Amino acid sequence: MPRFVRLIVTAFVPVFAVAVPATAADDTPRYNQIHFQVERSRPVDNDRMHAVLNLTAEDDNAARLADQVNRTMDGALKTAKARPKIEVRTGSYRTWPVYDKNKIRRWRATQELLLDGSDFAELGNLIGQLQEHLQVGSINFSVSPSRRATVEDELIAQALDAFKQRAELVRRQFTARGYRLVNVSINTGDGQPVPMMRGMAMEAMDKSAAPPALEAGTSILSVNVGGMIELQ
């Protein structure tokens, strides 16, 4: 999730002349306040992989269908949990009737198995193994929270430096003695994960499939700093 930090700064930038700050009751019009923003971004290698596998089945008997889905998913969970480097959890589980001429003819069910990890080779091998009974719904990549935090901290520092440089440029262009920082906000971008494989609802295979070909790619992380200065 993107982080949002808002700072309200009432102190003056120390390298410039200091004016007496206005109080809350001061209604004096301000004509020399300027708002602007800067942005810094960087491509970052994705280091997390997220896979969704689907189990879909149908039967004319709802109880028999539920038993089939539950047994198959239980086996898939045991196989996945045998690999401690991979985070495993189940997703949505739905059962619904299939009608023909306004009558229920059979039942259909689907359940998701969600896999996450940073060892792409290990996760790819597991997916190939599970494709004996499950189908790949999607595979996505993203930047891990720890790497995101590190990169965003670096980008925040760069963006704040760029903001101060832009403020100094504005001051010089208006031949002002100095400026006061009225407010500043810092916003981080989403860095959306890159979808690499979708719509792979292949038929279940008779044996373990070869691991899928994977390329993690990159995500663009960005920081936007916007604020207002008051020229002195």
Foldseek 3Di string as FASTA:
>chain_A
DWDWDWDFDDDFDVVFDDDDDDDPPDPDDADFKDKDKDKDKDWDFFQKKKWKKKFKDKFQDPVVVVVVVVVLVVVLVVLVVVDVQKDKDKDDKDKDFDDDPNDGRMIMIMIMIMIMHRPVVVVLQSVLQSLLRIWTAFMWTFHDPVVLVVVVVVRVVVRVVVVVVVLVVVCVVVVFRGKGFRTKIKIKDDQDIDTDDHPGRDHRHNGGGHGDDDDRGITMIMMMMMGMMGTD
